[in-house]
Amino acid sequence: MYALLLTIHILVSICLIVAVLLQSGKGADIGAVFGGAGSQALFGSAGPADFLNKATRILVIVFMLSSLTLGYVAFDRPSRSVMQPETMEALPVPAPSLPSEPAE
């Protein structure tokens, strides 16, 4: 299941990057490189702006849901609290060694 979610997340990430780069905006005319200027008839009278805007919103929602799901699946819940005291076994304490006297 984790591999499937990760694959969907990566594919949505790539599609989101492409959708953002294809949008026309301030200095972002990469859409014209892929024929964005002549695609008015394909997307209707409003052009590809509305389609790309809606596609970007959908991809963002899917990206966020997949991110949250991956985080939830990958999160390893602790089995015990750090606030619970540990039961320490009585370990024998070594006797302190006396300093040796220098030989005369």
C-alpha atoms as a PDB file:
ATOM      1  CA  MET A   1       0.000   0.000   0.000  1.00  0.00           C
ATOM      2  CA  TYR A   2       2.864   2.344   0.816  1.00  0.00           C
ATOM      3  CA  ALA A   3       4.442   1.784  -2.605  1.00  0.00           C
ATOM      4  CA  LEU A   4       1.148   2.549  -4.359  1.00  0.00           C
ATOM      5  CA  LEU A   5       0.674   5.763  -2.377  1.00  0.00           C
ATOM      6  CA  LEU A   6       4.244   6.805  -3.067  1.00  0.00           C
ATOM      7  CA  THR A   7       3.822   6.165  -6.799  1.00  0.00           C
ATOM      8  CA  ILE A   8       0.616   8.229  -6.898  1.00  0.00           C
ATOM      9  CA  HIS A   9       2.336  11.002  -4.938  1.00  0.00           C
ATOM     10  CA  ILE A  10       5.281  11.143  -7.350  1.00  0.00           C
ATOM     11  CA  LEU A  11       3.030  11.135 -10.437  1.00  0.00           C
ATOM     12  CA  VAL A  12       0.843  13.893  -9.004  1.00  0.00           C
ATOM     13  CA  SER A  13       3.974  15.903  -8.153  1.00  0.00           C
ATOM     14  CA  ILE A  14       5.233  15.696 -11.736  1.00  0.00           C
ATOM     15  CA  CYS A  15       1.792  16.595 -13.144  1.00  0.00           C
ATOM     16  CA  LEU A  16       1.545  19.525 -10.738  1.00  0.00           C
ATOM     17  CA  ILE A  17       4.917  20.874 -11.840  1.00  0.00           C
ATOM     18  CA  VAL A  18       3.901  20.619 -15.503  1.00  0.00           C
ATOM     19  CA  ALA A  19       0.517  22.261 -14.852  1.00  0.00           C
ATOM     20  CA  VAL A  20       2.112  25.193 -13.047  1.00  0.00           C
ATOM     21  CA  LEU A  21       4.756  25.689 -15.730  1.00  0.00           C
ATOM     22  CA  LEU A  22       2.188  25.628 -18.536  1.00  0.00           C
ATOM     23  CA  GLN A  23       0.088  28.398 -17.031  1.00  0.00           C
ATOM     24  CA  SER A  24       0.502  31.739 -18.670  1.00  0.00           C
ATOM     25  CA  GLY A  25       1.420  34.484 -16.334  1.00  0.00           C
ATOM     26  CA  LYS A  26       3.935  37.159 -15.633  1.00  0.00           C
ATOM     27  CA  GLY A  27       6.958  36.095 -17.662  1.00  0.00           C
ATOM     28  CA  ALA A  28       5.958  32.406 -17.672  1.00  0.00           C
ATOM     29  CA  ASP A  29       5.330  31.829 -21.366  1.00  0.00           C
ATOM     30  CA  ILE A  30       6.531  28.244 -21.416  1.00  0.00           C
ATOM     31  CA  GLY A  31       2.985  27.325 -22.475  1.00  0.00           C
ATOM     32  CA  ALA A  32       3.651  28.879 -25.878  1.00  0.00           C
ATOM     33  CA  VAL A  33       6.554  26.488 -26.404  1.00  0.00           C
ATOM     34  CA  PHE A  34       4.172  23.540 -26.277  1.00  0.00           C
ATOM     35  CA  GLY A  35       1.573  25.160 -28.531  1.00  0.00           C
ATOM     36  CA  GLY A  36      -0.274  27.117 -25.881  1.00  0.00           C
ATOM     37  CA  ALA A  37      -0.982  30.026 -28.207  1.00  0.00           C
ATOM     38  CA  GLY A  38      -2.819  27.964 -30.812  1.00  0.00           C
ATOM     39  CA  SER A  39      -4.884  25.829 -28.467  1.00  0.00           C
ATOM     40  CA  GLN A  40      -7.804  28.239 -28.110  1.00  0.00           C
ATOM     41  CA  ALA A  41     -10.219  25.976 -29.985  1.00  0.00           C
ATOM     42  CA  LEU A  42      -9.397  22.917 -27.892  1.00  0.00           C
ATOM     43  CA  PHE A  43     -10.193  24.480 -24.525  1.00  0.00           C
ATOM     44  CA  GLY A  44     -13.002  26.810 -25.593  1.00  0.00           C
ATOM     45  CA  SER A  45     -13.227  30.585 -25.806  1.00  0.00           C
ATOM     46  CA  ALA A  46     -11.606  31.147 -22.404  1.00  0.00           C
ATOM     47  CA  GLY A  47      -8.480  29.335 -23.542  1.00  0.00           C
ATOM     48  CA  PRO A  48      -6.410  26.900 -21.552  1.00  0.00           C
ATOM     49  CA  ALA A  49      -6.262  29.188 -18.508  1.00  0.00           C
ATOM     50  CA  ASP A  50      -9.491  27.890 -16.963  1.00  0.00           C
ATOM     51  CA  PHE A  51      -8.646  24.255 -17.665  1.00  0.00           C
ATOM     52  CA  LEU A  52      -5.131  24.570 -16.239  1.00  0.00           C
ATOM     53  CA  ASN A  53      -6.444  26.504 -13.258  1.00  0.00           C
ATOM     54  CA  LYS A  54      -8.959  23.766 -12.418  1.00  0.00           C
ATOM     55  CA  ALA A  55      -6.418  21.015 -13.075  1.00  0.00           C
ATOM     56  CA  THR A  56      -3.911  22.723 -10.778  1.00  0.00           C
ATOM     57  CA  ARG A  57      -6.470  22.999  -7.987  1.00  0.00           C
ATOM     58  CA  ILE A  58      -7.402  19.322  -8.290  1.00  0.00           C
ATOM     59  CA  LEU A  59      -3.748  18.277  -8.379  1.00  0.00           C
ATOM     60  CA  VAL A  60      -2.989  20.370  -5.299  1.00  0.00           C
ATOM     61  CA  ILE A  61      -5.823  18.700  -3.381  1.00  0.00           C
ATOM     62  CA  VAL A  62      -4.671  15.219  -4.420  1.00  0.00           C
ATOM     63  CA  PHE A  63      -1.061  16.155  -3.556  1.00  0.00           C
ATOM     64  CA  MET A  64      -2.020  17.339  -0.074  1.00  0.00           C
ATOM     65  CA  LEU A  65      -4.167  14.268   0.614  1.00  0.00           C
ATOM     66  CA  SER A  66      -1.427  11.921  -0.551  1.00  0.00           C
ATOM     67  CA  SER A  67       1.137  13.804   1.562  1.00  0.00           C
ATOM     68  CA  LEU A  68      -0.998  13.512   4.671  1.00  0.00           C
ATOM     69  CA  THR A  69      -1.755   9.846   3.975  1.00  0.00           C
ATOM     70  CA  LEU A  70       1.921   9.028   3.428  1.00  0.00           C
ATOM     71  CA  GLY A  71       2.820  10.805   6.637  1.00  0.00           C
ATOM     72  CA  TYR A  72       0.159   8.899   8.553  1.00  0.00           C
ATOM     73  CA  VAL A  73       1.157   5.525   7.105  1.00  0.00           C
ATOM     74  CA  ALA A  74       4.879   6.075   7.632  1.00  0.00           C
ATOM     75  CA  PHE A  75       4.502   7.394  11.179  1.00  0.00           C
ATOM     76  CA  ASP A  76       5.714   4.837  13.698  1.00  0.00           C
ATOM     77  CA  ARG A  77       3.744   5.219  16.906  1.00  0.00           C
ATOM     78  CA  PRO A  78       5.707   4.626  20.095  1.00  0.00           C
ATOM     79  CA  SER A  79       4.637   1.582  22.073  1.00  0.00           C
ATOM     80  CA  ARG A  80       5.101   3.292  25.423  1.00  0.00           C
ATOM     81  CA  SER A  81       5.385   6.768  26.813  1.00  0.00           C
ATOM     82  CA  VAL A  82       8.676   8.397  27.645  1.00  0.00           C
ATOM     83  CA  MET A  83       7.108   9.672  30.862  1.00  0.00           C
ATOM     84  CA  GLN A  84       6.651   6.205  32.357  1.00  0.00           C
ATOM     85  CA  PRO A  85       9.427   5.398  34.820  1.00  0.00           C
ATOM     86  CA  GLU A  86      11.721   2.553  33.936  1.00  0.00           C
ATOM     87  CA  THR A  87      12.099  -0.211  36.468  1.00  0.00           C
ATOM     88  CA  MET A  88      15.771  -0.317  37.147  1.00  0.00           C
ATOM     89  CA  GLU A  89      17.214  -3.596  38.254  1.00  0.00           C
ATOM     90  CA  ALA A  90      19.584  -3.465  41.167  1.00  0.00           C
ATOM     91  CA  LEU A  91      22.941  -3.651  39.480  1.00  0.00           C
ATOM     92  CA  PRO A  92      25.957  -4.469  41.615  1.00  0.00           C
ATOM     93  CA  VAL A  93      28.156  -1.458  42.060  1.00  0.00           C
ATOM     94  CA  PRO A  94      31.856  -2.246  41.730  1.00  0.00           C
ATOM     95  CA  ALA A  95      33.927  -1.553  44.822  1.00  0.00           C
ATOM     96  CA  PRO A  96      36.122   1.506  44.503  1.00  0.00           C
ATOM     97  CA  SER A  97      39.709   0.602  43.904  1.00  0.00           C
ATOM     98  CA  LEU A  98      42.239   1.941  46.349  1.00  0.00           C
ATOM     99  CA  PRO A  99      45.189   3.801  44.925  1.00  0.00           C
ATOM    100  CA  SER A 100      48.292   1.703  44.947  1.00  0.00           C
ATOM    101  CA  GLU A 101      51.199   2.918  47.037  1.00  0.00           C
ATOM    102  CA  PRO A 102      54.425   3.654  45.252  1.00  0.00           C
ATOM    103  CA  ALA A 103      57.149   1.043  45.742  1.00  0.00           C
ATOM    104  CA  GLU A 104      60.086   2.153  47.864  1.00  0.00           C
END
